Amino acid sequence: MGEMIYQAVDITAGYGNKIVLKDLSLDLEKGSSTLIVGANGSGKSTLFAILAGIKKAKSGKLLLEGKEIRKKQFGKLIGYVPQDNPLFTELTVKDNLLLWYGGKVALQREMEGGVIEKLGLREVLKKRVDTLSGGMQRRVCVGCAMVGDPRILILDEPGAGLDMECKEVLHAWLKEYQRDGGTVLLSSHEQSELEIADRRYVLRDGKLVTA
C-alpha cells in the first residue's frame, strides 16, 4: 500500500431528511487515480463537494495525511472541477484565469511550460468562454482548478461532452500530473477514463463498493 494522502471516514450526508451517503469511507493514495461510478442521484456530486470543502457532511471526518483537514487547506491543497461549468462565460479565457490566479505574474508562469500551456489554452486566451466548445471549456475549468498547484484534483464527469482531441489532451495531462505526485479522484462513465484509473468504485445505497 502506498502513502495515504486523503481519507474520508464514516461520512453521512444528504439534503434535509434525505440521506444519500451513509457511513461512507474512502482512502486516496498519493499519486493514484481513483474512479467512482454510480447511477444519477446516487450521491457522487454530493461526495465530491464534501471532499472539496464546498458542502458539509452531517457527520464523519476528512483526514489529510492522517490529520483532520482545516478549512483553509481545502483551497490550497485540493483542486475541484464540478460537473456544472463554474466559469464566467461572458468573459475571455484570460480574464477567467486571472480571476482564479490572482494576477498576471502567477498566470504567466503557468503559460510558459505550466498547466495553461500543457492544456493547450494559450491559443484561446483572448476568446470569450461562450464561444468555445464544451471540451475546451472543460480544459479551462481544469486550468482554473490548478491554481496554487494543488496536490489533489477532484473532477466530476470531466469527459462529458468532450471530443476525442480534448479527451486525449486531458488524459495525457492527468497522467503527467500523477507522475509528478498528484492524486486524482474522478467520476465518469467514459470507457477511456475507466481504463486510466488505478482503483474503481461503485457508489450504491450510500456506500462505496469495489468495482
Protein backbone atom coordinates (compact mmCIF):
# COMPACT_ATOMS: atom_id res chain seq x y z
CA MET A 1 0.00 0.00 0.00
CA GLY A 2 1.27 3.47 -0.90
CA GLU A 3 1.37 6.65 1.14
CA MET A 4 -2.14 7.73 2.17
CA ILE A 5 -2.82 11.40 1.43
CA TYR A 6 -6.58 11.94 1.87
CA GLN A 7 -9.26 9.97 3.67
CA ALA A 8 -12.99 10.25 4.18
CA VAL A 9 -14.09 8.45 7.34
CA ASP A 10 -17.70 7.48 8.07
CA ILE A 11 -19.23 10.31 6.02
CA THR A 12 -23.00 10.70 6.27
CA ALA A 13 -24.65 13.43 4.19
CA GLY A 14 -27.81 14.39 2.37
CA TYR A 15 -30.39 17.08 1.85
CA GLY A 16 -32.99 17.72 4.55
CA ASN A 17 -34.24 14.35 5.71
CA LYS A 18 -32.92 12.53 2.65
CA ILE A 19 -29.65 10.68 3.29
CA VAL A 20 -27.57 9.93 0.17
CA LEU A 21 -24.25 8.97 1.82
CA LYS A 22 -24.24 6.73 4.90
CA ASP A 23 -21.06 5.99 6.89
CA LEU A 24 -19.04 6.16 3.68
CA SER A 25 -15.25 5.82 3.83
CA LEU A 26 -12.65 6.35 1.10
CA ASP A 27 -8.83 6.24 1.08
CA LEU A 28 -6.78 8.04 -1.57
CA GLU A 29 -3.12 7.16 -2.04
CA LYS A 30 -0.60 9.76 -3.14
CA GLY A 31 -0.10 9.68 -6.91
CA SER A 32 -3.12 7.45 -7.52
CA SER A 33 -6.14 7.81 -9.79
CA THR A 34 -9.48 6.71 -8.32
CA LEU A 35 -12.72 6.44 -10.27
CA ILE A 36 -16.23 6.45 -8.82
CA VAL A 37 -19.27 5.49 -10.88
CA GLY A 38 -22.91 5.36 -9.89
CA ALA A 39 -26.42 6.00 -11.08
CA ASN A 40 -27.79 9.53 -11.33
CA GLY A 41 -28.80 10.66 -7.86
CA SER A 42 -26.52 8.14 -6.13
CA GLY A 43 -24.59 10.94 -4.40
CA LYS A 44 -21.39 11.25 -6.44
CA SER A 45 -21.58 15.04 -6.77
CA THR A 46 -22.52 15.35 -3.08
CA LEU A 47 -19.47 13.30 -2.09
CA PHE A 48 -17.16 15.31 -4.34
CA ALA A 49 -18.48 18.62 -2.99
CA ILE A 50 -17.81 17.42 0.57
CA LEU A 51 -14.30 16.26 -0.29
CA ALA A 52 -13.62 19.64 -1.94
CA GLY A 53 -14.87 21.56 1.11
CA ILE A 54 -17.88 23.03 -0.69
CA LYS A 55 -20.52 21.15 1.29
CA LYS A 56 -20.52 19.98 4.91
CA ALA A 57 -21.33 16.42 5.89
CA LYS A 58 -23.83 15.65 8.63
CA SER A 59 -21.17 13.53 10.32
CA GLY A 60 -17.77 11.98 9.68
CA LYS A 61 -14.21 13.24 9.22
CA LEU A 62 -11.85 14.24 6.42
CA LEU A 63 -8.18 13.48 7.08
CA LEU A 64 -5.23 14.96 5.19
CA GLU A 65 -2.12 12.85 5.82
CA GLY A 66 -3.76 11.45 8.93
CA LYS A 67 -4.82 14.78 10.45
CA GLU A 68 -8.26 16.37 10.26
CA ILE A 69 -8.22 18.88 7.42
CA ARG A 70 -8.60 22.56 8.29
CA LYS A 71 -10.93 24.85 6.37
CA LYS A 72 -8.11 26.98 4.93
CA GLN A 73 -6.39 23.90 3.50
CA PHE A 74 -9.16 23.00 1.05
CA GLY A 75 -8.48 25.78 -1.45
CA LYS A 76 -4.71 25.42 -1.25
CA LEU A 77 -4.37 21.66 -1.48
CA ILE A 78 -7.46 20.50 -3.38
CA GLY A 79 -8.45 21.49 -6.90
CA TYR A 80 -12.10 20.92 -7.83
CA VAL A 81 -13.81 20.79 -11.22
CA PRO A 82 -17.58 20.46 -10.66
CA GLN A 83 -19.95 18.97 -13.20
CA ASP A 84 -21.59 22.35 -13.79
CA ASN A 85 -19.48 24.98 -15.53
CA PRO A 86 -18.18 27.49 -12.91
CA LEU A 87 -16.74 29.92 -15.48
CA PHE A 88 -17.88 33.45 -16.30
CA THR A 89 -18.91 32.69 -19.85
CA GLU A 90 -19.24 36.34 -20.93
CA LEU A 91 -15.55 36.95 -20.13
CA THR A 92 -12.48 35.85 -22.05
CA VAL A 93 -10.48 32.79 -21.08
CA LYS A 94 -7.65 35.03 -19.89
CA ASP A 95 -9.98 37.11 -17.69
CA ASN A 96 -11.36 33.94 -16.10
CA LEU A 97 -7.86 32.64 -15.44
CA LEU A 98 -6.74 35.99 -13.99
CA LEU A 99 -9.63 35.88 -11.52
CA TRP A 100 -8.52 32.47 -10.30
CA TYR A 101 -4.78 33.05 -10.39
CA GLY A 102 -4.99 36.45 -8.74
CA GLY A 103 -2.81 38.35 -11.19
CA LYS A 104 -0.65 38.30 -14.28
CA VAL A 105 2.59 37.11 -12.66
CA ALA A 106 1.17 33.81 -11.39
CA LEU A 107 -0.71 33.22 -14.64
CA GLN A 108 2.37 33.94 -16.77
CA ARG A 109 4.31 31.19 -15.00
CA GLU A 110 1.66 28.64 -16.00
CA MET A 111 1.62 29.88 -19.60
CA GLU A 112 5.32 29.17 -20.01
CA GLY A 113 5.63 25.41 -19.67
CA GLY A 114 2.97 25.13 -16.96
CA VAL A 115 -0.56 23.78 -16.89
CA ILE A 116 -2.04 26.52 -19.12
CA GLU A 117 0.36 25.67 -21.92
CA LYS A 118 0.07 21.90 -21.42
CA LEU A 119 -3.72 22.05 -21.64
CA GLY A 120 -3.46 23.99 -24.92
CA LEU A 121 -5.12 27.15 -23.61
CA ARG A 122 -2.64 29.77 -24.80
CA GLU A 123 -4.20 29.98 -28.26
CA VAL A 124 -7.69 30.69 -26.87
CA LEU A 125 -6.79 33.24 -24.17
CA LYS A 126 -8.45 36.13 -26.00
CA LYS A 127 -11.66 34.26 -26.82
CA ARG A 128 -14.86 34.56 -24.83
CA VAL A 129 -15.68 31.39 -22.95
CA ASP A 130 -19.16 31.18 -24.51
CA THR A 131 -17.59 30.87 -27.98
CA LEU A 132 -15.56 27.77 -27.03
CA SER A 133 -16.52 24.13 -27.45
CA GLY A 134 -17.65 22.23 -24.39
CA GLY A 135 -14.39 20.32 -24.37
CA MET A 136 -12.26 23.46 -24.42
CA GLN A 137 -14.37 24.94 -21.62
CA ARG A 138 -13.62 21.85 -19.52
CA ARG A 139 -9.92 22.40 -20.15
CA VAL A 140 -10.28 25.98 -18.91
CA CYS A 141 -12.06 24.66 -15.78
CA VAL A 142 -9.12 22.35 -15.08
CA GLY A 143 -6.71 25.23 -15.62
CA CYS A 144 -8.62 27.29 -13.04
CA ALA A 145 -8.71 24.39 -10.58
CA MET A 146 -4.91 24.08 -10.71
CA VAL A 147 -4.31 27.45 -9.05
CA GLY A 148 -1.55 27.01 -6.49
CA ASP A 149 -0.61 23.56 -7.84
CA PRO A 150 -2.94 21.52 -5.59
CA ARG A 151 -1.85 18.05 -4.52
CA ILE A 152 -5.31 16.54 -5.05
CA LEU A 153 -7.56 17.10 -8.07
CA ILE A 154 -11.27 16.20 -7.93
CA LEU A 155 -13.08 16.01 -11.28
CA ASP A 156 -16.83 15.44 -11.56
CA GLU A 157 -17.58 13.94 -15.00
CA PRO A 158 -14.59 15.59 -16.74
CA GLY A 159 -15.09 13.73 -20.01
CA ALA A 160 -18.76 14.58 -20.51
CA GLY A 161 -19.25 16.12 -23.95
CA LEU A 162 -15.55 16.14 -24.84
CA ASP A 163 -14.39 15.36 -28.36
CA MET A 164 -11.55 12.88 -28.87
CA GLU A 165 -8.84 15.53 -29.12
CA CYS A 166 -9.88 17.16 -25.84
CA LYS A 167 -10.01 13.78 -24.11
CA GLU A 168 -6.51 12.89 -25.29
CA VAL A 169 -5.09 16.23 -24.12
CA LEU A 170 -6.80 15.95 -20.73
CA HIS A 171 -5.81 12.32 -20.17
CA ALA A 172 -2.19 12.96 -21.13
CA TRP A 173 -2.02 15.87 -18.73
CA LEU A 174 -3.66 13.86 -15.91
CA LYS A 175 -1.05 11.13 -16.30
CA GLU A 176 1.72 13.72 -16.09
CA TYR A 177 0.07 15.26 -13.01
CA GLN A 178 0.08 11.82 -11.36
CA ARG A 179 3.71 11.16 -12.31
CA ASP A 180 4.59 14.40 -10.50
CA GLY A 181 2.88 13.08 -7.35
CA GLY A 182 -0.62 14.49 -7.85
CA THR A 183 -3.66 12.49 -6.75
CA VAL A 184 -6.76 12.27 -8.94
CA LEU A 185 -10.36 11.45 -7.98
CA LEU A 186 -12.95 11.45 -10.74
CA SER A 187 -16.43 10.29 -11.60
CA SER A 188 -17.18 9.17 -15.14
CA HIS A 189 -18.97 6.80 -17.46
CA GLU A 190 -16.34 7.21 -20.18
CA GLN A 191 -14.58 3.95 -21.09
CA SER A 192 -11.26 5.75 -21.62
CA GLU A 193 -11.40 7.11 -18.08
CA LEU A 194 -12.29 3.69 -16.67
CA GLU A 195 -9.01 2.50 -18.13
CA ILE A 196 -6.76 5.20 -16.66
CA ALA A 197 -7.94 4.68 -13.06
CA ASP A 198 -5.88 2.64 -10.59
CA ARG A 199 -8.94 1.96 -8.41
CA ARG A 200 -12.62 1.80 -9.28
CA TYR A 201 -15.65 2.01 -7.01
CA VAL A 202 -19.40 1.94 -7.45
CA LEU A 203 -21.45 4.27 -5.23
CA ARG A 204 -24.57 2.34 -4.32
CA ASP A 205 -27.03 2.77 -1.43
CA GLY A 206 -24.84 5.45 0.12
CA LYS A 207 -21.67 3.35 0.25
CA LEU A 208 -18.71 2.55 -1.98
CA VAL A 209 -18.29 -0.96 -3.39
CA THR A 210 -15.13 -2.09 -5.16
CA ALA A 211 -15.80 -2.41 -8.91
